[in-house]
Amino acid sequence: MYLINVDSQTFTCFVFLDLVSAIQNRGLGCGLTQNRMLVTTVSISFIVQLALVYVPFMQTIFQTESLLWRDLFTLLALAGTSMGLHEGRRRYERAAAASASYAAEEMA
């Protein structure tokens, strides 16, 4: 049996979901990779989060422990699922906005 550091896992989960939220808060017309500053910031934040959890001297400073690979992949799957659901919602909203503007043009 192994001991899970729930604090590190919870901390990492919140950070990953916040990064997904940051990506999803872009405008409807903005593609996933069009905002390079956002992509750069989220990428750096992701790498720093992994360093906080896996680099020994940072573990000491931030009082974290390494996550098992299984736990890390579970957290990545959770964040990926959240992102996929948000992207699906955004696709629906774009289609609804496009059909609404098409209907308005037809009436004119």
PDB file of N, CA and C in Angstrom:
ATOM      1  N   MET A   1       0.842  -1.177   0.000  1.00  0.00           N
ATOM      2  CA  MET A   1       0.000   0.000   0.000  1.00  0.00           C
ATOM      3  C   MET A   1       0.888   1.241   0.000  1.00  0.00           C
ATOM      4  N   TYR A   2       0.448   2.274  -0.687  1.00  0.00           N
ATOM      5  CA  TYR A   2       1.224   3.498  -0.762  1.00  0.00           C
ATOM      6  C   TYR A   2       0.464   4.642  -0.130  1.00  0.00           C
ATOM      7  N   LEU A   3       1.193   5.664   0.212  1.00  0.00           N
ATOM      8  CA  LEU A   3       0.603   6.839   0.843  1.00  0.00           C
ATOM      9  C   LEU A   3       0.483   7.943  -0.197  1.00  0.00           C
ATOM     10  N   ILE A   4      -0.699   8.473  -0.377  1.00  0.00           N
ATOM     11  CA  ILE A   4      -0.927   9.549  -1.338  1.00  0.00           C
ATOM     12  C   ILE A   4      -0.832  10.883  -0.617  1.00  0.00           C
ATOM     13  N   ASN A   5      -0.091  11.782  -1.199  1.00  0.00           N
ATOM     14  CA  ASN A   5      -0.055  13.135  -0.662  1.00  0.00           C
ATOM     15  C   ASN A   5      -1.229  13.897  -1.265  1.00  0.00           C
ATOM     16  N   VAL A   6      -2.318  13.928  -0.538  1.00  0.00           N
ATOM     17  CA  VAL A   6      -3.543  14.541  -1.033  1.00  0.00           C
ATOM     18  C   VAL A   6      -3.350  16.041  -1.250  1.00  0.00           C
ATOM     19  N   ASP A   7      -2.538  16.688  -0.431  1.00  0.00           N
ATOM     20  CA  ASP A   7      -2.317  18.124  -0.587  1.00  0.00           C
ATOM     21  C   ASP A   7      -1.684  18.439  -1.939  1.00  0.00           C
ATOM     22  N   SER A   8      -0.658  17.687  -2.333  1.00  0.00           N
ATOM     23  CA  SER A   8      -0.014  17.918  -3.628  1.00  0.00           C
ATOM     24  C   SER A   8      -0.967  17.618  -4.769  1.00  0.00           C
ATOM     25  N   GLN A   9      -1.758  16.577  -4.605  1.00  0.00           N
ATOM     26  CA  GLN A   9      -2.704  16.202  -5.649  1.00  0.00           C
ATOM     27  C   GLN A   9      -3.804  17.259  -5.789  1.00  0.00           C
ATOM     28  N   THR A  10      -4.325  17.740  -4.686  1.00  0.00           N
ATOM     29  CA  THR A  10      -5.362  18.769  -4.718  1.00  0.00           C
ATOM     30  C   THR A  10      -4.810  20.066  -5.298  1.00  0.00           C
ATOM     31  N   PHE A  11      -3.621  20.441  -4.853  1.00  0.00           N
ATOM     32  CA  PHE A  11      -2.955  21.645  -5.354  1.00  0.00           C
ATOM     33  C   PHE A  11      -2.771  21.563  -6.863  1.00  0.00           C
ATOM     34  N   THR A  12      -2.283  20.443  -7.351  1.00  0.00           N
ATOM     35  CA  THR A  12      -2.048  20.261  -8.783  1.00  0.00           C
ATOM     36  C   THR A  12      -3.359  20.263  -9.550  1.00  0.00           C
ATOM     37  N   CYS A  13      -4.383  19.643  -8.999  1.00  0.00           N
ATOM     38  CA  CYS A  13      -5.692  19.624  -9.654  1.00  0.00           C
ATOM     39  C   CYS A  13      -6.231  21.039  -9.813  1.00  0.00           C
ATOM     40  N   PHE A  14      -6.168  21.836  -8.766  1.00  0.00           N
ATOM     41  CA  PHE A  14      -6.650  23.218  -8.851  1.00  0.00           C
ATOM     42  C   PHE A  14      -5.854  24.024  -9.870  1.00  0.00           C
ATOM     43  N   VAL A  15      -4.553  23.843  -9.903  1.00  0.00           N
ATOM     44  CA  VAL A  15      -3.733  24.589 -10.862  1.00  0.00           C
ATOM     45  C   VAL A  15      -4.085  24.183 -12.291  1.00  0.00           C
ATOM     46  N   PHE A  16      -4.192  22.878 -12.557  1.00  0.00           N
ATOM     47  CA  PHE A  16      -4.526  22.419 -13.909  1.00  0.00           C
ATOM     48  C   PHE A  16      -5.892  22.947 -14.347  1.00  0.00           C
ATOM     49  N   LEU A  17      -6.879  22.899 -13.461  1.00  0.00           N
ATOM     50  CA  LEU A  17      -8.213  23.391 -13.823  1.00  0.00           C
ATOM     51  C   LEU A  17      -8.219  24.908 -13.994  1.00  0.00           C
ATOM     52  N   ASP A  18      -7.394  25.622 -13.238  1.00  0.00           N
ATOM     53  CA  ASP A  18      -7.270  27.073 -13.443  1.00  0.00           C
ATOM     54  C   ASP A  18      -6.622  27.385 -14.788  1.00  0.00           C
ATOM     55  N   LEU A  19      -5.650  26.574 -15.189  1.00  0.00           N
ATOM     56  CA  LEU A  19      -5.023  26.783 -16.497  1.00  0.00           C
ATOM     57  C   LEU A  19      -6.025  26.532 -17.620  1.00  0.00           C
ATOM     58  N   VAL A  20      -6.840  25.502 -17.474  1.00  0.00           N
ATOM     59  CA  VAL A  20      -7.892  25.234 -18.466  1.00  0.00           C
ATOM     60  C   VAL A  20      -8.870  26.403 -18.495  1.00  0.00           C
ATOM     61  N   SER A  21      -9.240  26.923 -17.337  1.00  0.00           N
ATOM     62  CA  SER A  21     -10.148  28.060 -17.269  1.00  0.00           C
ATOM     63  C   SER A  21      -9.547  29.282 -17.957  1.00  0.00           C
ATOM     64  N   ALA A  22      -8.261  29.505 -17.773  1.00  0.00           N
ATOM     65  CA  ALA A  22      -7.597  30.641 -18.423  1.00  0.00           C
ATOM     66  C   ALA A  22      -7.674  30.508 -19.939  1.00  0.00           C
ATOM     67  N   ILE A  23      -7.484  29.300 -20.439  1.00  0.00           N
ATOM     68  CA  ILE A  23      -7.567  29.080 -21.888  1.00  0.00           C
ATOM     69  C   ILE A  23      -8.990  29.297 -22.380  1.00  0.00           C
ATOM     70  N   GLN A  24      -9.964  28.864 -21.611  1.00  0.00           N
ATOM     71  CA  GLN A  24     -11.361  28.956 -22.041  1.00  0.00           C
ATOM     72  C   GLN A  24     -11.939  30.359 -21.928  1.00  0.00           C
ATOM     73  N   ASN A  25     -11.284  31.261 -21.249  1.00  0.00           N
ATOM     74  CA  ASN A  25     -11.802  32.619 -21.087  1.00  0.00           C
ATOM     75  C   ASN A  25     -11.385  33.556 -22.210  1.00  0.00           C
ATOM     76  N   ARG A  26     -10.885  33.010 -23.288  1.00  0.00           N
ATOM     77  CA  ARG A  26     -10.570  33.851 -24.440  1.00  0.00           C
ATOM     78  C   ARG A  26     -11.856  34.114 -25.218  1.00  0.00           C
ATOM     79  N   GLY A  27     -11.827  35.051 -26.136  1.00  0.00           N
ATOM     80  CA  GLY A  27     -13.015  35.394 -26.912  1.00  0.00           C
ATOM     81  C   GLY A  27     -13.466  34.253 -27.808  1.00  0.00           C
ATOM     82  N   LEU A  28     -14.748  34.253 -28.181  1.00  0.00           N
ATOM     83  CA  LEU A  28     -15.292  33.191 -29.026  1.00  0.00           C
ATOM     84  C   LEU A  28     -14.611  33.131 -30.384  1.00  0.00           C
ATOM     85  N   GLY A  29     -14.206  34.269 -30.905  1.00  0.00           N
ATOM     86  CA  GLY A  29     -13.575  34.302 -32.225  1.00  0.00           C
ATOM     87  C   GLY A  29     -12.097  33.967 -32.206  1.00  0.00           C
ATOM     88  N   CYS A  30     -11.516  33.838 -31.042  1.00  0.00           N
ATOM     89  CA  CYS A  30     -10.080  33.578 -30.916  1.00  0.00           C
ATOM     90  C   CYS A  30      -9.834  32.072 -30.902  1.00  0.00           C
ATOM     91  N   GLY A  31      -9.005  31.599 -31.826  1.00  0.00           N
ATOM     92  CA  GLY A  31      -8.663  30.186 -31.879  1.00  0.00           C
ATOM     93  C   GLY A  31      -7.794  29.771 -30.707  1.00  0.00           C
ATOM     94  N   LEU A  32      -7.637  28.465 -30.560  1.00  0.00           N
ATOM     95  CA  LEU A  32      -6.909  27.916 -29.419  1.00  0.00           C
ATOM     96  C   LEU A  32      -5.459  28.389 -29.360  1.00  0.00           C
ATOM     97  N   THR A  33      -4.815  28.552 -30.499  1.00  0.00           N
ATOM     98  CA  THR A  33      -3.402  28.942 -30.509  1.00  0.00           C
ATOM     99  C   THR A  33      -3.160  30.341 -31.069  1.00  0.00           C
ATOM    100  N   GLN A  34      -4.199  31.108 -31.302  1.00  0.00           N
ATOM    101  CA  GLN A  34      -4.016  32.441 -31.875  1.00  0.00           C
ATOM    102  C   GLN A  34      -3.400  33.432 -30.902  1.00  0.00           C
ATOM    103  N   ASN A  35      -3.690  33.312 -29.630  1.00  0.00           N
ATOM    104  CA  ASN A  35      -3.163  34.220 -28.622  1.00  0.00           C
ATOM    105  C   ASN A  35      -1.853  33.616 -28.081  1.00  0.00           C
ATOM    106  N   ARG A  36      -0.752  34.014 -28.677  1.00  0.00           N
ATOM    107  CA  ARG A  36       0.540  33.409 -28.321  1.00  0.00           C
ATOM    108  C   ARG A  36       0.973  33.717 -26.892  1.00  0.00           C
ATOM    109  N   MET A  37       0.621  34.885 -26.402  1.00  0.00           N
ATOM    110  CA  MET A  37       0.977  35.237 -25.027  1.00  0.00           C
ATOM    111  C   MET A  37       0.242  34.328 -24.042  1.00  0.00           C
ATOM    112  N   LEU A  38      -1.013  34.035 -24.317  1.00  0.00           N
ATOM    113  CA  LEU A  38      -1.783  33.134 -23.461  1.00  0.00           C
ATOM    114  C   LEU A  38      -1.191  31.726 -23.495  1.00  0.00           C
ATOM    115  N   VAL A  39      -0.871  31.236 -24.678  1.00  0.00           N
ATOM    116  CA  VAL A  39      -0.274  29.901 -24.813  1.00  0.00           C
ATOM    117  C   VAL A  39       1.058  29.841 -24.077  1.00  0.00           C
ATOM    118  N   THR A  40       1.870  30.880 -24.204  1.00  0.00           N
ATOM    119  CA  THR A  40       3.168  30.923 -23.529  1.00  0.00           C
ATOM    120  C   THR A  40       2.997  30.937 -22.016  1.00  0.00           C
ATOM    121  N   THR A  41       2.094  31.764 -21.527  1.00  0.00           N
ATOM    122  CA  THR A  41       1.872  31.880 -20.085  1.00  0.00           C
ATOM    123  C   THR A  41       1.352  30.578 -19.494  1.00  0.00           C
ATOM    124  N   VAL A  42       0.393  29.955 -20.155  1.00  0.00           N
ATOM    125  CA  VAL A  42      -0.166  28.692 -19.663  1.00  0.00           C
ATOM    126  C   VAL A  42       0.900  27.590 -19.715  1.00  0.00           C
ATOM    127  N   SER A  43       1.699  27.561 -20.760  1.00  0.00           N
ATOM    128  CA  SER A  43       2.760  26.551 -20.870  1.00  0.00           C
ATOM    129  C   SER A  43       3.797  26.704 -19.757  1.00  0.00           C
ATOM    130  N   ILE A  44       4.216  27.929 -19.502  1.00  0.00           N
ATOM    131  CA  ILE A  44       5.190  28.173 -18.430  1.00  0.00           C
ATOM    132  C   ILE A  44       4.596  27.804 -17.077  1.00  0.00           C
ATOM    133  N   SER A  45       3.343  28.163 -16.860  1.00  0.00           N
ATOM    134  CA  SER A  45       2.684  27.826 -15.592  1.00  0.00           C
ATOM    135  C   SER A  45       2.594  26.314 -15.405  1.00  0.00           C
ATOM    136  N   PHE A  46       2.314  25.586 -16.466  1.00  0.00           N
ATOM    137  CA  PHE A  46       2.243  24.125 -16.408  1.00  0.00           C
ATOM    138  C   PHE A  46       3.601  23.526 -16.035  1.00  0.00           C
ATOM    139  N   ILE A  47       4.653  24.020 -16.659  1.00  0.00           N
ATOM    140  CA  ILE A  47       6.008  23.518 -16.380  1.00  0.00           C
ATOM    141  C   ILE A  47       6.420  23.851 -14.947  1.00  0.00           C
ATOM    142  N   VAL A  48       6.104  25.051 -14.492  1.00  0.00           N
ATOM    143  CA  VAL A  48       6.438  25.438 -13.113  1.00  0.00           C
ATOM    144  C   VAL A  48       5.677  24.563 -12.125  1.00  0.00           C
ATOM    145  N   GLN A  49       4.417  24.254 -12.419  1.00  0.00           N
ATOM    146  CA  GLN A  49       3.649  23.379 -11.523  1.00  0.00           C
ATOM    147  C   GLN A  49       4.299  22.005 -11.422  1.00  0.00           C
ATOM    148  N   LEU A  50       4.729  21.452 -12.538  1.00  0.00           N
ATOM    149  CA  LEU A  50       5.421  20.163 -12.500  1.00  0.00           C
ATOM    150  C   LEU A  50       6.720  20.262 -11.703  1.00  0.00           C
ATOM    151  N   ALA A  51       7.421  21.386 -11.836  1.00  0.00           N
ATOM    152  CA  ALA A  51       8.654  21.582 -11.064  1.00  0.00           C
ATOM    153  C   ALA A  51       8.359  21.659  -9.570  1.00  0.00           C
ATOM    154  N   LEU A  52       7.276  22.328  -9.203  1.00  0.00           N
ATOM    155  CA  LEU A  52       6.920  22.422  -7.787  1.00  0.00           C
ATOM    156  C   LEU A  52       6.652  21.050  -7.180  1.00  0.00           C
ATOM    157  N   VAL A  53       6.156  20.145  -7.981  1.00  0.00           N
ATOM    158  CA  VAL A  53       5.798  18.827  -7.477  1.00  0.00           C
ATOM    159  C   VAL A  53       6.960  17.833  -7.582  1.00  0.00           C
ATOM    160  N   TYR A  54       7.831  17.987  -8.573  1.00  0.00           N
ATOM    161  CA  TYR A  54       8.846  16.955  -8.820  1.00  0.00           C
ATOM    162  C   TYR A  54      10.295  17.349  -8.544  1.00  0.00           C
ATOM    163  N   VAL A  55      10.628  18.630  -8.469  1.00  0.00           N
ATOM    164  CA  VAL A  55      12.015  19.049  -8.230  1.00  0.00           C
ATOM    165  C   VAL A  55      12.259  19.082  -6.720  1.00  0.00           C
ATOM    166  N   PRO A  56      13.260  18.322  -6.244  1.00  0.00           N
ATOM    167  CA  PRO A  56      13.445  18.165  -4.794  1.00  0.00           C
ATOM    168  C   PRO A  56      13.571  19.463  -3.993  1.00  0.00           C
ATOM    169  N   PHE A  57      14.396  20.418  -4.432  1.00  0.00           N
ATOM    170  CA  PHE A  57      14.543  21.626  -3.616  1.00  0.00           C
ATOM    171  C   PHE A  57      13.278  22.465  -3.607  1.00  0.00           C
ATOM    172  N   MET A  58      12.472  22.389  -4.682  1.00  0.00           N
ATOM    173  CA  MET A  58      11.199  23.100  -4.694  1.00  0.00           C
ATOM    174  C   MET A  58      10.160  22.380  -3.827  1.00  0.00           C
ATOM    175  N   GLN A  59      10.275  21.060  -3.734  1.00  0.00           N
ATOM    176  CA  GLN A  59       9.398  20.301  -2.841  1.00  0.00           C
ATOM    177  C   GLN A  59       9.613  20.734  -1.398  1.00  0.00           C
ATOM    178  N   THR A  60      10.859  20.979  -1.051  1.00  0.00           N
ATOM    179  CA  THR A  60      11.170  21.411   0.309  1.00  0.00           C
ATOM    180  C   THR A  60      10.577  22.787   0.594  1.00  0.00           C
ATOM    181  N   ILE A  61      10.731  23.699  -0.343  1.00  0.00           N
ATOM    182  CA  ILE A  61      10.238  25.063  -0.152  1.00  0.00           C
ATOM    183  C   ILE A  61       8.715  25.099  -0.085  1.00  0.00           C
ATOM    184  N   PHE A  62       8.052  24.389  -1.004  1.00  0.00           N
ATOM    185  CA  PHE A  62       6.595  24.459  -1.101  1.00  0.00           C
ATOM    186  C   PHE A  62       5.887  23.307  -0.395  1.00  0.00           C
ATOM    187  N   GLN A  63       6.646  22.465   0.270  1.00  0.00           N
ATOM    188  CA  GLN A  63       6.128  21.343   1.047  1.00  0.00           C
ATOM    189  C   GLN A  63       5.195  20.454   0.224  1.00  0.00           C
ATOM    190  N   THR A  64       5.693  20.047  -0.929  1.00  0.00           N
ATOM    191  CA  THR A  64       4.948  19.126  -1.786  1.00  0.00           C
ATOM    192  C   THR A  64       5.695  17.803  -1.853  1.00  0.00           C
ATOM    193  N   GLU A  65       5.023  16.805  -2.358  1.00  0.00           N
ATOM    194  CA  GLU A  65       5.631  15.499  -2.593  1.00  0.00           C
ATOM    195  C   GLU A  65       5.321  15.088  -4.020  1.00  0.00           C
ATOM    196  N   SER A  66       6.164  14.246  -4.573  1.00  0.00           N
ATOM    197  CA  SER A  66       5.944  13.773  -5.935  1.00  0.00           C
ATOM    198  C   SER A  66       4.642  12.996  -6.025  1.00  0.00           C
ATOM    199  N   LEU A  67       3.945  13.224  -7.121  1.00  0.00           N
ATOM    200  CA  LEU A  67       2.738  12.455  -7.397  1.00  0.00           C
ATOM    201  C   LEU A  67       3.134  11.185  -8.144  1.00  0.00           C
ATOM    202  N   LEU A  68       2.381  10.140  -7.943  1.00  0.00           N
ATOM    203  CA  LEU A  68       2.569   8.942  -8.749  1.00  0.00           C
ATOM    204  C   LEU A  68       2.159   9.271 -10.178  1.00  0.00           C
ATOM    205  N   TRP A  69       2.783   8.609 -11.141  1.00  0.00           N
ATOM    206  CA  TRP A  69       2.460   8.876 -12.538  1.00  0.00           C
ATOM    207  C   TRP A  69       0.980   8.621 -12.813  1.00  0.00           C
ATOM    208  N   ARG A  70       0.439   7.614 -12.172  1.00  0.00           N
ATOM    209  CA  ARG A  70      -0.983   7.294 -12.327  1.00  0.00           C
ATOM    210  C   ARG A  70      -1.847   8.475 -11.872  1.00  0.00           C
ATOM    211  N   ASP A  71      -1.476   9.078 -10.751  1.00  0.00           N
ATOM    212  CA  ASP A  71      -2.230  10.232 -10.251  1.00  0.00           C
ATOM    213  C   ASP A  71      -2.090  11.442 -11.169  1.00  0.00           C
ATOM    214  N   LEU A  72      -0.887  11.668 -11.676  1.00  0.00           N
ATOM    215  CA  LEU A  72      -0.659  12.781 -12.593  1.00  0.00           C
ATOM    216  C   LEU A  72      -1.485  12.597 -13.865  1.00  0.00           C
ATOM    217  N   PHE A  73      -1.500  11.392 -14.419  1.00  0.00           N
ATOM    218  CA  PHE A  73      -2.277  11.153 -15.632  1.00  0.00           C
ATOM    219  C   PHE A  73      -3.776  11.276 -15.364  1.00  0.00           C
ATOM    220  N   THR A  74      -4.221  10.913 -14.176  1.00  0.00           N
ATOM    221  CA  THR A  74      -5.629  11.097 -13.811  1.00  0.00           C
ATOM    222  C   THR A  74      -5.971  12.586 -13.788  1.00  0.00           C
ATOM    223  N   LEU A  75      -5.090  13.387 -13.213  1.00  0.00           N
ATOM    224  CA  LEU A  75      -5.322  14.836 -13.172  1.00  0.00           C
ATOM    225  C   LEU A  75      -5.303  15.445 -14.571  1.00  0.00           C
ATOM    226  N   LEU A  76      -4.384  14.971 -15.414  1.00  0.00           N
ATOM    227  CA  LEU A  76      -4.333  15.460 -16.795  1.00  0.00           C
ATOM    228  C   LEU A  76      -5.594  15.058 -17.557  1.00  0.00           C
ATOM    229  N   ALA A  77      -6.107  13.852 -17.300  1.00  0.00           N
ATOM    230  CA  ALA A  77      -7.345  13.411 -17.947  1.00  0.00           C
ATOM    231  C   ALA A  77      -8.524  14.264 -17.482  1.00  0.00           C
ATOM    232  N   LEU A  78      -8.555  14.595 -16.207  1.00  0.00           N
ATOM    233  CA  LEU A  78      -9.616  15.454 -15.673  1.00  0.00           C
ATOM    234  C   LEU A  78      -9.568  16.835 -16.334  1.00  0.00           C
ATOM    235  N   ALA A  79      -8.383  17.412 -16.417  1.00  0.00           N
ATOM    236  CA  ALA A  79      -8.234  18.727 -17.047  1.00  0.00           C
ATOM    237  C   ALA A  79      -8.568  18.646 -18.541  1.00  0.00           C
ATOM    238  N   GLY A  80      -8.150  17.563 -19.192  1.00  0.00           N
ATOM    239  CA  GLY A  80      -8.454  17.378 -20.617  1.00  0.00           C
ATOM    240  C   GLY A  80      -9.944  17.227 -20.868  1.00  0.00           C
ATOM    241  N   THR A  81     -10.626  16.512 -19.991  1.00  0.00           N
ATOM    242  CA  THR A  81     -12.075  16.359 -20.113  1.00  0.00           C
ATOM    243  C   THR A  81     -12.766  17.705 -19.952  1.00  0.00           C
ATOM    244  N   SER A  82     -12.332  18.473 -18.969  1.00  0.00           N
ATOM    245  CA  SER A  82     -12.895  19.799 -18.756  1.00  0.00           C
ATOM    246  C   SER A  82     -12.676  20.675 -19.989  1.00  0.00           C
ATOM    247  N   MET A  83     -11.489  20.624 -20.548  1.00  0.00           N
ATOM    248  CA  MET A  83     -11.194  21.432 -21.726  1.00  0.00           C
ATOM    249  C   MET A  83     -12.035  20.981 -22.919  1.00  0.00           C
ATOM    250  N   GLY A  84     -12.174  19.665 -23.093  1.00  0.00           N
ATOM    251  CA  GLY A  84     -12.988  19.152 -24.192  1.00  0.00           C
ATOM    252  C   GLY A  84     -14.446  19.586 -24.085  1.00  0.00           C
ATOM    253  N   LEU A  85     -14.996  19.534 -22.880  1.00  0.00           N
ATOM    254  CA  LEU A  85     -16.378  19.969 -22.677  1.00  0.00           C
ATOM    255  C   LEU A  85     -16.536  21.459 -22.945  1.00  0.00           C
ATOM    256  N   HIS A  86     -15.573  22.252 -22.496  1.00  0.00           N
ATOM    257  CA  HIS A  86     -15.622  23.700 -22.752  1.00  0.00           C
ATOM    258  C   HIS A  86     -15.503  23.999 -24.244  1.00  0.00           C
ATOM    259  N   GLU A  87     -14.629  23.293 -24.934  1.00  0.00           N
ATOM    260  CA  GLU A  87     -14.472  23.514 -26.376  1.00  0.00           C
ATOM    261  C   GLU A  87     -15.747  23.124 -27.115  1.00  0.00           C
ATOM    262  N   GLY A  88     -16.413  22.057 -26.676  1.00  0.00           N
ATOM    263  CA  GLY A  88     -17.688  21.678 -27.277  1.00  0.00           C
ATOM    264  C   GLY A  88     -18.745  22.755 -27.083  1.00  0.00           C
ATOM    265  N   ARG A  89     -18.794  23.321 -25.882  1.00  0.00           N
ATOM    266  CA  ARG A  89     -19.730  24.414 -25.607  1.00  0.00           C
ATOM    267  C   ARG A  89     -19.413  25.620 -26.473  1.00  0.00           C
ATOM    268  N   ARG A  90     -18.125  25.930 -26.600  1.00  0.00           N
ATOM    269  CA  ARG A  90     -17.721  27.078 -27.418  1.00  0.00           C
ATOM    270  C   ARG A  90     -18.086  26.859 -28.890  1.00  0.00           C
ATOM    271  N   ARG A  91     -17.920  25.650 -29.384  1.00  0.00           N
ATOM    272  CA  ARG A  91     -18.272  25.340 -30.778  1.00  0.00           C
ATOM    273  C   ARG A  91     -19.779  25.544 -30.984  1.00  0.00           C
ATOM    274  N   TYR A  92     -20.576  25.084 -30.012  1.00  0.00           N
ATOM    275  CA  TYR A  92     -22.031  25.270 -30.081  1.00  0.00           C
ATOM    276  C   TYR A  92     -22.376  26.765 -30.069  1.00  0.00           C
ATOM    277  N   GLU A  93     -21.735  27.533 -29.195  1.00  0.00           N
ATOM    278  CA  GLU A  93     -22.014  28.969 -29.113  1.00  0.00           C
ATOM    279  C   GLU A  93     -21.634  29.689 -30.399  1.00  0.00           C
ATOM    280  N   ARG A  94     -20.507  29.304 -31.009  1.00  0.00           N
ATOM    281  CA  ARG A  94     -20.116  29.911 -32.291  1.00  0.00           C
ATOM    282  C   ARG A  94     -21.132  29.586 -33.377  1.00  0.00           C
ATOM    283  N   ALA A  95     -21.605  28.333 -33.408  1.00  0.00           N
ATOM    284  CA  ALA A  95     -22.590  27.943 -34.414  1.00  0.00           C
ATOM    285  C   ALA A  95     -23.904  28.689 -34.190  1.00  0.00           C
ATOM    286  N   ALA A  96     -24.308  28.839 -32.939  1.00  0.00           N
ATOM    287  CA  ALA A  96     -25.549  29.562 -32.637  1.00  0.00           C
ATOM    288  C   ALA A  96     -25.428  31.030 -33.032  1.00  0.00           C
ATOM    289  N   ALA A  97     -24.271  31.635 -32.759  1.00  0.00           N
ATOM    290  CA  ALA A  97     -24.058  33.042 -33.116  1.00  0.00           C
ATOM    291  C   ALA A  97     -24.038  33.209 -34.633  1.00  0.00           C
ATOM    292  N   ALA A  98     -23.439  32.259 -35.331  1.00  0.00           N
ATOM    293  CA  ALA A  98     -23.387  32.342 -36.796  1.00  0.00           C
ATOM    294  C   ALA A  98     -24.772  32.180 -37.399  1.00  0.00           C
ATOM    295  N   SER A  99     -25.579  31.265 -36.885  1.00  0.00           N
ATOM    296  CA  SER A  99     -26.923  31.080 -37.425  1.00  0.00           C
ATOM    297  C   SER A  99     -27.814  32.282 -37.098  1.00  0.00           C
ATOM    298  N   ALA A 100     -27.597  32.907 -35.937  1.00  0.00           N
ATOM    299  CA  ALA A 100     -28.374  34.086 -35.576  1.00  0.00           C
ATOM    300  C   ALA A 100     -28.030  35.255 -36.502  1.00  0.00           C
ATOM    301  N   SER A 101     -26.757  35.417 -36.836  1.00  0.00           N
ATOM    302  CA  SER A 101     -26.377  36.509 -37.738  1.00  0.00           C
ATOM    303  C   SER A 101     -26.847  36.217 -39.163  1.00  0.00           C
ATOM    304  N   TYR A 102     -26.858  34.935 -39.552  1.00  0.00           N
ATOM    305  CA  TYR A 102     -27.355  34.554 -40.874  1.00  0.00           C
ATOM    306  C   TYR A 102     -28.848  34.846 -40.972  1.00  0.00           C
ATOM    307  N   ALA A 103     -29.601  34.524 -39.910  1.00  0.00           N
ATOM    308  CA  ALA A 103     -31.050  34.790 -39.902  1.00  0.00           C
ATOM    309  C   ALA A 103     -31.320  36.282 -39.945  1.00  0.00           C
ATOM    310  N   ALA A 104     -30.500  37.071 -39.255  1.00  0.00           N
ATOM    311  CA  ALA A 104     -30.677  38.522 -39.273  1.00  0.00           C
ATOM    312  C   ALA A 104     -30.390  39.097 -40.661  1.00  0.00           C
ATOM    313  N   GLU A 105     -29.391  38.545 -41.348  1.00  0.00           N
ATOM    314  CA  GLU A 105     -29.083  39.018 -42.710  1.00  0.00           C
ATOM    315  C   GLU A 105     -30.200  38.652 -43.674  1.00  0.00           C
ATOM    316  N   GLU A 106     -30.821  37.486 -43.491  1.00  0.00           N
ATOM    317  CA  GLU A 106     -31.901  37.049 -44.348  1.00  0.00           C
ATOM    318  C   GLU A 106     -33.117  37.956 -44.227  1.00  0.00           C
ATOM    319  N   MET A 107     -33.364  38.446 -43.026  1.00  0.00           N
ATOM    320  CA  MET A 107     -34.516  39.309 -42.787  1.00  0.00           C
ATOM    321  C   MET A 107     -34.313  40.703 -43.404  1.00  0.00           C
ATOM    322  N   ALA A 108     -33.072  41.098 -43.576  1.00  0.00           N
ATOM    323  CA  ALA A 108     -32.782  42.449 -44.084  1.00  0.00           C
ATOM    324  C   ALA A 108     -32.944  42.565 -45.559  1.00  0.00           C
TER     325      ALA A 108
END
